């Protein structure tokens, strides 16, 4: 089983809004970093939760740890923002809370293992 960690938990109300949009637009693309024994999402926490609830397999764009990232394309708050570029691995090192986790099935569908950050995961 492969696992996908997220930098924070999700908010159920926002997930419901994203689910409405996802029903119209289809499966999302989410950038993740290959960390060897797991993936780490660098975006799309609420899109991942919505996909899991809808039974939709998101398209995971898998980055290597040494891939350069453009921080302007990400909504992240870093402890130590770099002067220049940052690699995917360096970003993951700053986002290591791993407070959310999904199991990825063979067909690409997600199932929630835990939603961290103290945010309740209300069922519909």
PDB file of N, CA and C in Angstrom:
ATOM      1  N   UNK A   1       0.854  -1.178   0.000  1.00  0.00           N
ATOM      2  CA  UNK A   1       0.000   0.000   0.000  1.00  0.00           C
ATOM      3  C   UNK A   1       0.896   1.236   0.000  1.00  0.00           C
ATOM      4  N   UNK A   2       0.547   2.188  -0.812  1.00  0.00           N
ATOM      5  CA  UNK A   2       1.266   3.452  -0.873  1.00  0.00           C
ATOM      6  C   UNK A   2       0.479   4.496  -0.090  1.00  0.00           C
ATOM      7  N   UNK A   3       1.207   5.366   0.614  1.00  0.00           N
ATOM      8  CA  UNK A   3       0.554   6.401   1.410  1.00  0.00           C
ATOM      9  C   UNK A   3       0.928   7.782   0.896  1.00  0.00           C
ATOM     10  N   UNK A   4      -0.009   8.708   1.047  1.00  0.00           N
ATOM     11  CA  UNK A   4       0.145  10.096   0.628  1.00  0.00           C
ATOM     12  C   UNK A   4      -0.128  10.980   1.840  1.00  0.00           C
ATOM     13  N   UNK A   5       0.873  11.720   2.261  1.00  0.00           N
ATOM     14  CA  UNK A   5       0.737  12.613   3.413  1.00  0.00           C
ATOM     15  C   UNK A   5       0.486  14.039   2.946  1.00  0.00           C
ATOM     16  N   UNK A   6      -0.172  14.811   3.806  1.00  0.00           N
ATOM     17  CA  UNK A   6      -0.467  16.210   3.511  1.00  0.00           C
ATOM     18  C   UNK A   6       0.093  17.091   4.619  1.00  0.00           C
ATOM     19  N   UNK A   7       0.376  18.366   4.320  1.00  0.00           N
ATOM     20  CA  UNK A   7       0.983  19.233   5.330  1.00  0.00           C
ATOM     21  C   UNK A   7       0.045  19.687   6.432  1.00  0.00           C
ATOM     22  N   UNK A   8      -1.261  19.528   6.242  1.00  0.00           N
ATOM     23  CA  UNK A   8      -2.222  19.887   7.289  1.00  0.00           C
ATOM     24  C   UNK A   8      -3.523  19.164   7.015  1.00  0.00           C
ATOM     25  N   UNK A   9      -4.411  19.212   7.985  1.00  0.00           N
ATOM     26  CA  UNK A   9      -5.716  18.601   7.816  1.00  0.00           C
ATOM     27  C   UNK A   9      -6.611  19.450   6.927  1.00  0.00           C
ATOM     28  N   UNK A  10      -7.836  18.983   6.731  1.00  0.00           N
ATOM     29  CA  UNK A  10      -8.768  19.724   5.879  1.00  0.00           C
ATOM     30  C   UNK A  10      -9.996  20.159   6.670  1.00  0.00           C
ATOM     31  N   UNK A  11     -10.679  21.143   6.122  1.00  0.00           N
ATOM     32  CA  UNK A  11     -11.889  21.697   6.708  1.00  0.00           C
ATOM     33  C   UNK A  11     -13.087  21.123   5.954  1.00  0.00           C
ATOM     34  N   UNK A  12     -14.014  20.482   6.675  1.00  0.00           N
ATOM     35  CA  UNK A  12     -15.130  19.783   6.036  1.00  0.00           C
ATOM     36  C   UNK A  12     -16.006  20.705   5.192  1.00  0.00           C
ATOM     37  N   UNK A  13     -16.249  21.930   5.646  1.00  0.00           N
ATOM     38  CA  UNK A  13     -17.083  22.859   4.873  1.00  0.00           C
ATOM     39  C   UNK A  13     -16.425  23.203   3.541  1.00  0.00           C
ATOM     40  N   UNK A  14     -15.123  23.440   3.572  1.00  0.00           N
ATOM     41  CA  UNK A  14     -14.416  23.743   2.323  1.00  0.00           C
ATOM     42  C   UNK A  14     -14.394  22.522   1.405  1.00  0.00           C
ATOM     43  N   UNK A  15     -14.256  21.335   1.987  1.00  0.00           N
ATOM     44  CA  UNK A  15     -14.269  20.113   1.173  1.00  0.00           C
ATOM     45  C   UNK A  15     -15.602  19.978   0.447  1.00  0.00           C
ATOM     46  N   UNK A  16     -16.703  20.278   1.108  1.00  0.00           N
ATOM     47  CA  UNK A  16     -18.012  20.202   0.449  1.00  0.00           C
ATOM     48  C   UNK A  16     -18.093  21.158  -0.736  1.00  0.00           C
ATOM     49  N   UNK A  17     -17.542  22.368  -0.590  1.00  0.00           N
ATOM     50  CA  UNK A  17     -17.532  23.328  -1.714  1.00  0.00           C
ATOM     51  C   UNK A  17     -16.686  22.793  -2.868  1.00  0.00           C
ATOM     52  N   UNK A  18     -15.541  22.216  -2.540  1.00  0.00           N
ATOM     53  CA  UNK A  18     -14.649  21.668  -3.576  1.00  0.00           C
ATOM     54  C   UNK A  18     -15.306  20.465  -4.262  1.00  0.00           C
ATOM     55  N   UNK A  19     -16.058  19.660  -3.507  1.00  0.00           N
ATOM     56  CA  UNK A  19     -16.756  18.516  -4.100  1.00  0.00           C
ATOM     57  C   UNK A  19     -17.738  18.967  -5.175  1.00  0.00           C
ATOM     58  N   UNK A  20     -18.454  20.052  -4.906  1.00  0.00           N
ATOM     59  CA  UNK A  20     -19.400  20.585  -5.886  1.00  0.00           C
ATOM     60  C   UNK A  20     -18.678  20.954  -7.174  1.00  0.00           C
ATOM     61  N   UNK A  21     -17.553  21.629  -7.033  1.00  0.00           N
ATOM     62  CA  UNK A  21     -16.764  22.019  -8.200  1.00  0.00           C
ATOM     63  C   UNK A  21     -16.180  20.804  -8.914  1.00  0.00           C
ATOM     64  N   UNK A  22     -15.711  19.809  -8.139  1.00  0.00           N
ATOM     65  CA  UNK A  22     -15.094  18.629  -8.733  1.00  0.00           C
ATOM     66  C   UNK A  22     -16.106  17.798  -9.517  1.00  0.00           C
ATOM     67  N   UNK A  23     -17.340  17.783  -9.074  1.00  0.00           N
ATOM     68  CA  UNK A  23     -18.378  17.061  -9.832  1.00  0.00           C
ATOM     69  C   UNK A  23     -18.516  17.649 -11.231  1.00  0.00           C
ATOM     70  N   UNK A  24     -18.300  18.942 -11.350  1.00  0.00           N
ATOM     71  CA  UNK A  24     -18.414  19.636 -12.639  1.00  0.00           C
ATOM     72  C   UNK A  24     -17.139  19.519 -13.462  1.00  0.00           C
ATOM     73  N   UNK A  25     -15.971  19.654 -12.807  1.00  0.00           N
ATOM     74  CA  UNK A  25     -14.694  19.715 -13.523  1.00  0.00           C
ATOM     75  C   UNK A  25     -13.981  18.376 -13.664  1.00  0.00           C
ATOM     76  N   UNK A  26     -14.324  17.408 -12.829  1.00  0.00           N
ATOM     77  CA  UNK A  26     -13.661  16.105 -12.890  1.00  0.00           C
ATOM     78  C   UNK A  26     -12.461  16.027 -11.960  1.00  0.00           C
ATOM     79  N   UNK A  27     -11.690  14.974 -12.132  1.00  0.00           N
ATOM     80  CA  UNK A  27     -10.561  14.671 -11.250  1.00  0.00           C
ATOM     81  C   UNK A  27      -9.506  15.782 -11.280  1.00  0.00           C
ATOM     82  N   UNK A  28      -8.976  16.111 -10.099  1.00  0.00           N
ATOM     83  CA  UNK A  28      -7.958  17.166 -10.032  1.00  0.00           C
ATOM     84  C   UNK A  28      -6.558  16.637 -10.304  1.00  0.00           C
ATOM     85  N   UNK A  29      -5.658  17.551 -10.645  1.00  0.00           N
ATOM     86  CA  UNK A  29      -4.224  17.254 -10.708  1.00  0.00           C
ATOM     87  C   UNK A  29      -3.604  17.816  -9.438  1.00  0.00           C
ATOM     88  N   UNK A  30      -2.775  17.009  -8.775  1.00  0.00           N
ATOM     89  CA  UNK A  30      -2.145  17.404  -7.521  1.00  0.00           C
ATOM     90  C   UNK A  30      -0.653  17.081  -7.606  1.00  0.00           C
ATOM     91  N   UNK A  31       0.190  18.071  -7.285  1.00  0.00           N
ATOM     92  CA  UNK A  31       1.633  17.829  -7.258  1.00  0.00           C
ATOM     93  C   UNK A  31       2.025  17.177  -5.933  1.00  0.00           C
ATOM     94  N   UNK A  32       2.761  16.078  -6.047  1.00  0.00           N
ATOM     95  CA  UNK A  32       3.249  15.354  -4.875  1.00  0.00           C
ATOM     96  C   UNK A  32       4.737  15.084  -5.056  1.00  0.00           C
ATOM     97  N   UNK A  33       5.428  14.903  -3.946  1.00  0.00           N
ATOM     98  CA  UNK A  33       6.859  14.601  -3.976  1.00  0.00           C
ATOM     99  C   UNK A  33       7.059  13.139  -3.610  1.00  0.00           C
ATOM    100  N   UNK A  34       7.869  12.437  -4.400  1.00  0.00           N
ATOM    101  CA  UNK A  34       8.216  11.048  -4.109  1.00  0.00           C
ATOM    102  C   UNK A  34       9.264  11.052  -3.006  1.00  0.00           C
ATOM    103  N   UNK A  35       8.880  10.565  -1.834  1.00  0.00           N
ATOM    104  CA  UNK A  35       9.772  10.543  -0.669  1.00  0.00           C
ATOM    105  C   UNK A  35      10.295   9.137  -0.388  1.00  0.00           C
ATOM    106  N   UNK A  36      10.279   8.287  -1.380  1.00  0.00           N
ATOM    107  CA  UNK A  36      10.795   6.932  -1.224  1.00  0.00           C
ATOM    108  C   UNK A  36       9.707   5.951  -0.832  1.00  0.00           C
ATOM    109  N   UNK A  37       9.320   5.945   0.450  1.00  0.00           N
ATOM    110  CA  UNK A  37       8.301   5.003   0.910  1.00  0.00           C
ATOM    111  C   UNK A  37       6.910   5.622   0.995  1.00  0.00           C
ATOM    112  N   UNK A  38       6.761   6.879   0.593  1.00  0.00           N
ATOM    113  CA  UNK A  38       5.462   7.547   0.582  1.00  0.00           C
ATOM    114  C   UNK A  38       5.542   8.763  -0.336  1.00  0.00           C
ATOM    115  N   UNK A  39       4.375   9.349  -0.609  1.00  0.00           N
ATOM    116  CA  UNK A  39       4.289  10.611  -1.333  1.00  0.00           C
ATOM    117  C   UNK A  39       3.911  11.703  -0.343  1.00  0.00           C
ATOM    118  N   UNK A  40       4.274  12.935  -0.664  1.00  0.00           N
ATOM    119  CA  UNK A  40       3.927  14.077   0.169  1.00  0.00           C
ATOM    120  C   UNK A  40       3.315  15.139  -0.734  1.00  0.00           C
ATOM    121  N   UNK A  41       2.067  15.518  -0.458  1.00  0.00           N
ATOM    122  CA  UNK A  41       1.378  16.526  -1.275  1.00  0.00           C
ATOM    123  C   UNK A  41       1.888  17.917  -0.923  1.00  0.00           C
ATOM    124  N   UNK A  42       2.221  18.691  -1.941  1.00  0.00           N
ATOM    125  CA  UNK A  42       2.669  20.062  -1.704  1.00  0.00           C
ATOM    126  C   UNK A  42       1.567  21.062  -2.049  1.00  0.00           C
ATOM    127  N   UNK A  43       0.385  20.538  -2.390  1.00  0.00           N
ATOM    128  CA  UNK A  43      -0.779  21.368  -2.692  1.00  0.00           C
ATOM    129  C   UNK A  43      -2.023  20.489  -2.638  1.00  0.00           C
ATOM    130  N   UNK A  44      -3.184  21.115  -2.618  1.00  0.00           N
ATOM    131  CA  UNK A  44      -4.423  20.395  -2.860  1.00  0.00           C
ATOM    132  C   UNK A  44      -5.000  19.569  -1.732  1.00  0.00           C
ATOM    133  N   UNK A  45      -4.791  19.976  -0.489  1.00  0.00           N
ATOM    134  CA  UNK A  45      -5.312  19.209   0.649  1.00  0.00           C
ATOM    135  C   UNK A  45      -6.829  19.024   0.538  1.00  0.00           C
ATOM    136  N   UNK A  46      -7.553  20.083   0.207  1.00  0.00           N
ATOM    137  CA  UNK A  46      -9.012  19.992   0.119  1.00  0.00           C
ATOM    138  C   UNK A  46      -9.457  19.252  -1.141  1.00  0.00           C
ATOM    139  N   UNK A  47      -8.700  19.376  -2.219  1.00  0.00           N
ATOM    140  CA  UNK A  47      -9.026  18.609  -3.433  1.00  0.00           C
ATOM    141  C   UNK A  47      -8.814  17.119  -3.204  1.00  0.00           C
ATOM    142  N   UNK A  48      -7.784  16.752  -2.434  1.00  0.00           N
ATOM    143  CA  UNK A  48      -7.565  15.341  -2.105  1.00  0.00           C
ATOM    144  C   UNK A  48      -8.714  14.796  -1.264  1.00  0.00           C
ATOM    145  N   UNK A  49      -9.144  15.566  -0.280  1.00  0.00           N
ATOM    146  CA  UNK A  49     -10.257  15.127   0.571  1.00  0.00           C
ATOM    147  C   UNK A  49     -11.543  14.975  -0.243  1.00  0.00           C
ATOM    148  N   UNK A  50     -11.793  15.920  -1.139  1.00  0.00           N
ATOM    149  CA  UNK A  50     -12.981  15.849  -1.980  1.00  0.00           C
ATOM    150  C   UNK A  50     -12.925  14.629  -2.905  1.00  0.00           C
ATOM    151  N   UNK A  51     -11.768  14.384  -3.498  1.00  0.00           N
ATOM    152  CA  UNK A  51     -11.607  13.220  -4.381  1.00  0.00           C
ATOM    153  C   UNK A  51     -11.849  11.926  -3.604  1.00  0.00           C
ATOM    154  N   UNK A  52     -11.326  11.842  -2.387  1.00  0.00           N
ATOM    155  CA  UNK A  52     -11.518  10.645  -1.571  1.00  0.00           C
ATOM    156  C   UNK A  52     -13.003  10.432  -1.285  1.00  0.00           C
ATOM    157  N   UNK A  53     -13.701  11.488  -0.930  1.00  0.00           N
ATOM    158  CA  UNK A  53     -15.139  11.366  -0.617  1.00  0.00           C
ATOM    159  C   UNK A  53     -15.972  11.010  -1.835  1.00  0.00           C
ATOM    160  N   UNK A  54     -15.565  11.511  -3.010  1.00  0.00           N
ATOM    161  CA  UNK A  54     -16.313  11.234  -4.242  1.00  0.00           C
ATOM    162  C   UNK A  54     -15.905   9.927  -4.909  1.00  0.00           C
ATOM    163  N   UNK A  55     -14.818   9.305  -4.427  1.00  0.00           N
ATOM    164  CA  UNK A  55     -14.336   8.076  -5.065  1.00  0.00           C
ATOM    165  C   UNK A  55     -13.663   8.330  -6.395  1.00  0.00           C
ATOM    166  N   UNK A  56     -13.090   9.526  -6.539  1.00  0.00           N
ATOM    167  CA  UNK A  56     -12.416   9.933  -7.774  1.00  0.00           C
ATOM    168  C   UNK A  56     -10.913   9.775  -7.589  1.00  0.00           C
ATOM    169  N   UNK A  57     -10.239   9.204  -8.573  1.00  0.00           N
ATOM    170  CA  UNK A  57      -8.781   9.063  -8.517  1.00  0.00           C
ATOM    171  C   UNK A  57      -8.138  10.331  -9.064  1.00  0.00           C
ATOM    172  N   UNK A  58      -7.467  11.121  -8.208  1.00  0.00           N
ATOM    173  CA  UNK A  58      -6.802  12.327  -8.715  1.00  0.00           C
ATOM    174  C   UNK A  58      -5.593  11.951  -9.564  1.00  0.00           C
ATOM    175  N   UNK A  59      -5.224  12.852 -10.467  1.00  0.00           N
ATOM    176  CA  UNK A  59      -4.001  12.641 -11.236  1.00  0.00           C
ATOM    177  C   UNK A  59      -2.855  13.209 -10.405  1.00  0.00           C
ATOM    178  N   UNK A  60      -1.973  12.329  -9.943  1.00  0.00           N
ATOM    179  CA  UNK A  60      -0.839  12.768  -9.138  1.00  0.00           C
ATOM    180  C   UNK A  60       0.328  13.099 -10.051  1.00  0.00           C
ATOM    181  N   UNK A  61       0.801  14.323  -9.979  1.00  0.00           N
ATOM    182  CA  UNK A  61       1.983  14.761 -10.721  1.00  0.00           C
ATOM    183  C   UNK A  61       3.156  14.532  -9.768  1.00  0.00           C
ATOM    184  N   UNK A  62       3.926  13.467 -10.030  1.00  0.00           N
ATOM    185  CA  UNK A  62       4.979  13.051  -9.106  1.00  0.00           C
ATOM    186  C   UNK A  62       6.282  13.775  -9.416  1.00  0.00           C
ATOM    187  N   UNK A  63       6.791  14.488  -8.416  1.00  0.00           N
ATOM    188  CA  UNK A  63       8.050  15.224  -8.523  1.00  0.00           C
ATOM    189  C   UNK A  63       9.145  14.472  -7.786  1.00  0.00           C
ATOM    190  N   UNK A  64      10.360  14.556  -8.302  1.00  0.00           N
ATOM    191  CA  UNK A  64      11.522  14.032  -7.589  1.00  0.00           C
ATOM    192  C   UNK A  64      11.961  15.059  -6.562  1.00  0.00           C
ATOM    193  N   UNK A  65      12.658  14.615  -5.533  1.00  0.00           N
ATOM    194  CA  UNK A  65      13.076  15.525  -4.478  1.00  0.00           C
ATOM    195  C   UNK A  65      14.008  16.629  -4.973  1.00  0.00           C
ATOM    196  N   UNK A  66      14.733  16.387  -6.064  1.00  0.00           N
ATOM    197  CA  UNK A  66      15.657  17.412  -6.547  1.00  0.00           C
ATOM    198  C   UNK A  66      15.050  18.313  -7.637  1.00  0.00           C
ATOM    199  N   UNK A  67      13.760  18.153  -7.930  1.00  0.00           N
ATOM    200  CA  UNK A  67      13.088  19.030  -8.893  1.00  0.00           C
ATOM    201  C   UNK A  67      12.957  20.433  -8.311  1.00  0.00           C
ATOM    202  N   UNK A  68      13.270  21.447  -9.121  1.00  0.00           N
ATOM    203  CA  UNK A  68      13.144  22.847  -8.699  1.00  0.00           C
ATOM    204  C   UNK A  68      11.676  23.268  -8.745  1.00  0.00           C
ATOM    205  N   UNK A  69      11.263  24.053  -7.755  1.00  0.00           N
ATOM    206  CA  UNK A  69       9.887  24.538  -7.683  1.00  0.00           C
ATOM    207  C   UNK A  69       9.840  26.050  -7.767  1.00  0.00           C
ATOM    208  N   UNK A  70       8.751  26.545  -8.306  1.00  0.00           N
ATOM    209  CA  UNK A  70       8.470  27.978  -8.318  1.00  0.00           C
ATOM    210  C   UNK A  70       7.483  28.234  -7.187  1.00  0.00           C
ATOM    211  N   UNK A  71       7.938  28.842  -6.103  1.00  0.00           N
ATOM    212  CA  UNK A  71       7.086  29.055  -4.938  1.00  0.00           C
ATOM    213  C   UNK A  71       5.880  29.939  -5.229  1.00  0.00           C
ATOM    214  N   UNK A  72       5.953  30.741  -6.275  1.00  0.00           N
ATOM    215  CA  UNK A  72       4.822  31.616  -6.583  1.00  0.00           C
ATOM    216  C   UNK A  72       3.598  30.813  -7.046  1.00  0.00           C
ATOM    217  N   UNK A  73       3.795  29.542  -7.403  1.00  0.00           N
ATOM    218  CA  UNK A  73       2.676  28.700  -7.837  1.00  0.00           C
ATOM    219  C   UNK A  73       2.080  27.900  -6.689  1.00  0.00           C
ATOM    220  N   UNK A  74       2.599  28.103  -5.473  1.00  0.00           N
ATOM    221  CA  UNK A  74       2.134  27.344  -4.311  1.00  0.00           C
ATOM    222  C   UNK A  74       1.642  28.277  -3.217  1.00  0.00           C
ATOM    223  N   UNK A  75       0.657  27.821  -2.472  1.00  0.00           N
ATOM    224  CA  UNK A  75       0.135  28.587  -1.343  1.00  0.00           C
ATOM    225  C   UNK A  75       0.704  27.976  -0.063  1.00  0.00           C
ATOM    226  N   UNK A  76       1.950  28.322   0.253  1.00  0.00           N
ATOM    227  CA  UNK A  76       2.615  27.764   1.433  1.00  0.00           C
ATOM    228  C   UNK A  76       3.270  28.875   2.238  1.00  0.00           C
ATOM    229  N   UNK A  77       3.310  28.659   3.534  1.00  0.00           N
ATOM    230  CA  UNK A  77       4.033  29.557   4.433  1.00  0.00           C
ATOM    231  C   UNK A  77       5.254  28.792   4.920  1.00  0.00           C
ATOM    232  N   UNK A  78       6.429  29.276   4.556  1.00  0.00           N
ATOM    233  CA  UNK A  78       7.652  28.581   4.928  1.00  0.00           C
ATOM    234  C   UNK A  78       8.298  29.190   6.158  1.00  0.00           C
ATOM    235  N   UNK A  79       8.915  28.333   6.942  1.00  0.00           N
ATOM    236  CA  UNK A  79       9.645  28.776   8.126  1.00  0.00           C
ATOM    237  C   UNK A  79      10.833  29.631   7.700  1.00  0.00           C
ATOM    238  N   UNK A  80      11.536  29.151   6.682  1.00  0.00           N
ATOM    239  CA  UNK A  80      12.718  29.852   6.171  1.00  0.00           C
ATOM    240  C   UNK A  80      12.591  30.021   4.661  1.00  0.00           C
ATOM    241  N   UNK A  81      11.881  31.054   4.192  1.00  0.00           N
ATOM    242  CA  UNK A  81      11.754  31.240   2.748  1.00  0.00           C
ATOM    243  C   UNK A  81      13.123  31.426   2.100  1.00  0.00           C
ATOM    244  N   UNK A  82      13.395  30.713   1.015  1.00  0.00           N
ATOM    245  CA  UNK A  82      14.704  30.805   0.365  1.00  0.00           C
ATOM    246  C   UNK A  82      14.842  32.084  -0.447  1.00  0.00           C
ATOM    247  N   UNK A  83      16.080  32.508  -0.634  1.00  0.00           N
ATOM    248  CA  UNK A  83      16.366  33.675  -1.485  1.00  0.00           C
ATOM    249  C   UNK A  83      16.119  33.333  -2.947  1.00  0.00           C
ATOM    250  N   UNK A  84      16.603  32.170  -3.357  1.00  0.00           N
ATOM    251  CA  UNK A  84      16.443  31.746  -4.741  1.00  0.00           C
ATOM    252  C   UNK A  84      15.371  30.687  -4.849  1.00  0.00           C
ATOM    253  N   UNK A  85      15.634  29.696  -5.669  1.00  0.00           N
ATOM    254  CA  UNK A  85      14.688  28.608  -5.845  1.00  0.00           C
ATOM    255  C   UNK A  85      14.734  27.629  -4.685  1.00  0.00           C
ATOM    256  N   UNK A  86      13.844  26.671  -4.748  1.00  0.00           N
ATOM    257  CA  UNK A  86      13.793  25.634  -3.724  1.00  0.00           C
ATOM    258  C   UNK A  86      13.481  24.318  -4.424  1.00  0.00           C
ATOM    259  N   UNK A  87      14.075  23.246  -3.937  1.00  0.00           N
ATOM    260  CA  UNK A  87      13.769  21.939  -4.513  1.00  0.00           C
ATOM    261  C   UNK A  87      12.548  21.359  -3.808  1.00  0.00           C
ATOM    262  N   UNK A  88      11.939  20.377  -4.446  1.00  0.00           N
ATOM    263  CA  UNK A  88      10.780  19.714  -3.852  1.00  0.00           C
ATOM    264  C   UNK A  88      11.145  19.094  -2.509  1.00  0.00           C
ATOM    265  N   UNK A  89      12.320  18.492  -2.414  1.00  0.00           N
ATOM    266  CA  UNK A  89      12.765  17.883  -1.161  1.00  0.00           C
ATOM    267  C   UNK A  89      12.966  18.909  -0.054  1.00  0.00           C
ATOM    268  N   UNK A  90      13.509  20.072  -0.408  1.00  0.00           N
ATOM    269  CA  UNK A  90      13.696  21.133   0.586  1.00  0.00           C
ATOM    270  C   UNK A  90      12.348  21.654   1.085  1.00  0.00           C
ATOM    271  N   UNK A  91      11.379  21.742   0.185  1.00  0.00           N
ATOM    272  CA  UNK A  91      10.053  22.188   0.585  1.00  0.00           C
ATOM    273  C   UNK A  91       9.421  21.181   1.551  1.00  0.00           C
ATOM    274  N   UNK A  92       9.502  19.906   1.212  1.00  0.00           N
ATOM    275  CA  UNK A  92       8.938  18.870   2.084  1.00  0.00           C
ATOM    276  C   UNK A  92       9.594  18.924   3.464  1.00  0.00           C
ATOM    277  N   UNK A  93      10.905  19.189   3.514  1.00  0.00           N
ATOM    278  CA  UNK A  93      11.609  19.264   4.800  1.00  0.00           C
ATOM    279  C   UNK A  93      11.027  20.363   5.690  1.00  0.00           C
ATOM    280  N   UNK A  94      10.498  21.422   5.078  1.00  0.00           N
ATOM    281  CA  UNK A  94       9.900  22.512   5.860  1.00  0.00           C
ATOM    282  C   UNK A  94       8.421  22.272   6.165  1.00  0.00           C
ATOM    283  N   UNK A  95       7.818  21.300   5.493  1.00  0.00           N
ATOM    284  CA  UNK A  95       6.384  21.019   5.678  1.00  0.00           C
ATOM    285  C   UNK A  95       6.165  19.646   6.308  1.00  0.00           C
ATOM    286  N   UNK A  96       7.049  19.232   7.164  1.00  0.00           N
ATOM    287  CA  UNK A  96       7.067  17.835   7.611  1.00  0.00           C
ATOM    288  C   UNK A  96       6.064  17.460   8.691  1.00  0.00           C
ATOM    289  N   UNK A  97       5.051  18.251   8.907  1.00  0.00           N
ATOM    290  CA  UNK A  97       4.106  17.899   9.967  1.00  0.00           C
ATOM    291  C   UNK A  97       3.342  16.615   9.682  1.00  0.00           C
ATOM    292  N   UNK A  98       3.163  16.263   8.419  1.00  0.00           N
ATOM    293  CA  UNK A  98       2.448  15.045   8.016  1.00  0.00           C
ATOM    294  C   UNK A  98       1.175  14.848   8.820  1.00  0.00           C
ATOM    295  N   UNK A  99       0.331  15.850   8.863  1.00  0.00           N
ATOM    296  CA  UNK A  99      -0.830  15.733   9.713  1.00  0.00           C
ATOM    297  C   UNK A  99      -2.059  15.133   9.044  1.00  0.00           C
ATOM    298  N   UNK A 100      -2.011  14.889   7.772  1.00  0.00           N
ATOM    299  CA  UNK A 100      -3.086  14.195   7.079  1.00  0.00           C
ATOM    300  C   UNK A 100      -2.501  13.025   6.319  1.00  0.00           C
ATOM    301  N   UNK A 101      -3.285  11.959   6.112  1.00  0.00           N
ATOM    302  CA  UNK A 101      -2.756  10.794   5.404  1.00  0.00           C
ATOM    303  C   UNK A 101      -3.871  10.069   4.656  1.00  0.00           C
ATOM    304  N   UNK A 102      -3.585   9.674   3.418  1.00  0.00           N
ATOM    305  CA  UNK A 102      -4.480   8.879   2.584  1.00  0.00           C
ATOM    306  C   UNK A 102      -3.762   7.626   2.127  1.00  0.00           C
ATOM    307  N   UNK A 103      -4.492   6.532   2.016  1.00  0.00           N
ATOM    308  CA  UNK A 103      -3.975   5.318   1.389  1.00  0.00           C
ATOM    309  C   UNK A 103      -4.377   5.389  -0.084  1.00  0.00           C
ATOM    310  N   UNK A 104      -3.447   5.039  -0.980  1.00  0.00           N
ATOM    311  CA  UNK A 104      -3.726   5.061  -2.412  1.00  0.00           C
ATOM    312  C   UNK A 104      -3.952   3.625  -2.867  1.00  0.00           C
ATOM    313  N   UNK A 105      -5.155   3.327  -3.358  1.00  0.00           N
ATOM    314  CA  UNK A 105      -5.483   1.989  -3.849  1.00  0.00           C
ATOM    315  C   UNK A 105      -4.828   1.765  -5.215  1.00  0.00           C
ATOM    316  N   UNK A 106      -4.810   0.509  -5.656  1.00  0.00           N
ATOM    317  CA  UNK A 106      -4.217   0.177  -6.949  1.00  0.00           C
ATOM    318  C   UNK A 106      -4.873   0.927  -8.102  1.00  0.00           C
ATOM    319  N   UNK A 107      -6.167   1.248  -7.974  1.00  0.00           N
ATOM    320  CA  UNK A 107      -6.858   1.980  -9.037  1.00  0.00           C
ATOM    321  C   UNK A 107      -6.703   3.499  -8.913  1.00  0.00           C
ATOM    322  N   UNK A 108      -5.901   3.950  -7.936  1.00  0.00           N
ATOM    323  CA  UNK A 108      -5.640   5.374  -7.765  1.00  0.00           C
ATOM    324  C   UNK A 108      -6.593   6.094  -6.838  1.00  0.00           C
ATOM    325  N   UNK A 109      -7.647   5.419  -6.394  1.00  0.00           N
ATOM    326  CA  UNK A 109      -8.595   6.059  -5.479  1.00  0.00           C
ATOM    327  C   UNK A 109      -7.975   6.188  -4.096  1.00  0.00           C
ATOM    328  N   UNK A 110      -8.443   7.197  -3.363  1.00  0.00           N
ATOM    329  CA  UNK A 110      -7.898   7.505  -2.044  1.00  0.00           C
ATOM    330  C   UNK A 110      -8.869   7.104  -0.951  1.00  0.00           C
ATOM    331  N   UNK A 111      -8.322   6.702   0.190  1.00  0.00           N
ATOM    332  CA  UNK A 111      -9.147   6.530   1.382  1.00  0.00           C
ATOM    333  C   UNK A 111      -8.437   7.226   2.537  1.00  0.00           C
ATOM    334  N   UNK A 112      -9.196   7.994   3.301  1.00  0.00           N
ATOM    335  CA  UNK A 112      -8.636   8.765   4.407  1.00  0.00           C
ATOM    336  C   UNK A 112      -8.161   7.817   5.506  1.00  0.00           C
ATOM    337  N   UNK A 113      -6.898   7.976   5.911  1.00  0.00           N
ATOM    338  CA  UNK A 113      -6.360   7.227   7.042  1.00  0.00           C
ATOM    339  C   UNK A 113      -6.538   8.077   8.295  1.00  0.00           C
ATOM    340  N   UNK A 114      -6.080   9.339   8.234  1.00  0.00           N
ATOM    341  CA  UNK A 114      -6.348  10.284   9.314  1.00  0.00           C
ATOM    342  C   UNK A 114      -6.264  11.700   8.803  1.00  0.00           C
ATOM    343  N   UNK A 115      -7.060  12.575   9.441  1.00  0.00           N
ATOM    344  CA  UNK A 115      -7.089  13.998   9.127  1.00  0.00           C
ATOM    345  C   UNK A 115      -6.552  14.720  10.345  1.00  0.00           C
ATOM    346  N   UNK A 116      -5.362  15.238  10.258  1.00  0.00           N
ATOM    347  CA  UNK A 116      -4.725  15.839  11.418  1.00  0.00           C
ATOM    348  C   UNK A 116      -5.039  17.309  11.578  1.00  0.00           C
ATOM    349  N   UNK A 117      -4.258  17.948  12.395  1.00  0.00           N
ATOM    350  CA  UNK A 117      -4.389  19.378  12.618  1.00  0.00           C
ATOM    351  C   UNK A 117      -5.550  19.759  13.503  1.00  0.00           C
ATOM    352  N   UNK A 118      -6.172  18.779  14.152  1.00  0.00           N
ATOM    353  CA  UNK A 118      -7.268  19.084  15.053  1.00  0.00           C
ATOM    354  C   UNK A 118      -8.523  19.565  14.363  1.00  0.00           C
ATOM    355  N   UNK A 119      -8.614  19.381  13.037  1.00  0.00           N
ATOM    356  CA  UNK A 119      -9.791  19.814  12.287  1.00  0.00           C
ATOM    357  C   UNK A 119     -10.741  18.626  12.176  1.00  0.00           C
ATOM    358  N   UNK A 120     -11.966  18.724  12.708  1.00  0.00           N
ATOM    359  CA  UNK A 120     -12.883  17.591  12.629  1.00  0.00           C
ATOM    360  C   UNK A 120     -13.237  17.274  11.193  1.00  0.00           C
ATOM    361  N   UNK A 121     -13.309  16.006  10.863  1.00  0.00           N
ATOM    362  CA  UNK A 121     -13.676  15.560   9.535  1.00  0.00           C
ATOM    363  C   UNK A 121     -15.130  15.097   9.596  1.00  0.00           C
ATOM    364  N   UNK A 122     -16.057  16.032   9.407  1.00  0.00           N
ATOM    365  CA  UNK A 122     -17.484  15.723   9.479  1.00  0.00           C
ATOM    366  C   UNK A 122     -17.896  14.881   8.280  1.00  0.00           C
ATOM    367  N   UNK A 123     -18.706  13.890   8.526  1.00  0.00           N
ATOM    368  CA  UNK A 123     -19.258  13.102   7.434  1.00  0.00           C
ATOM    369  C   UNK A 123     -20.451  13.853   6.865  1.00  0.00           C
ATOM    370  N   UNK A 124     -20.735  13.615   5.601  1.00  0.00           N
ATOM    371  CA  UNK A 124     -21.874  14.263   4.947  1.00  0.00           C
ATOM    372  C   UNK A 124     -23.168  13.685   5.475  1.00  0.00           C
TER     373      UNK A 124
END
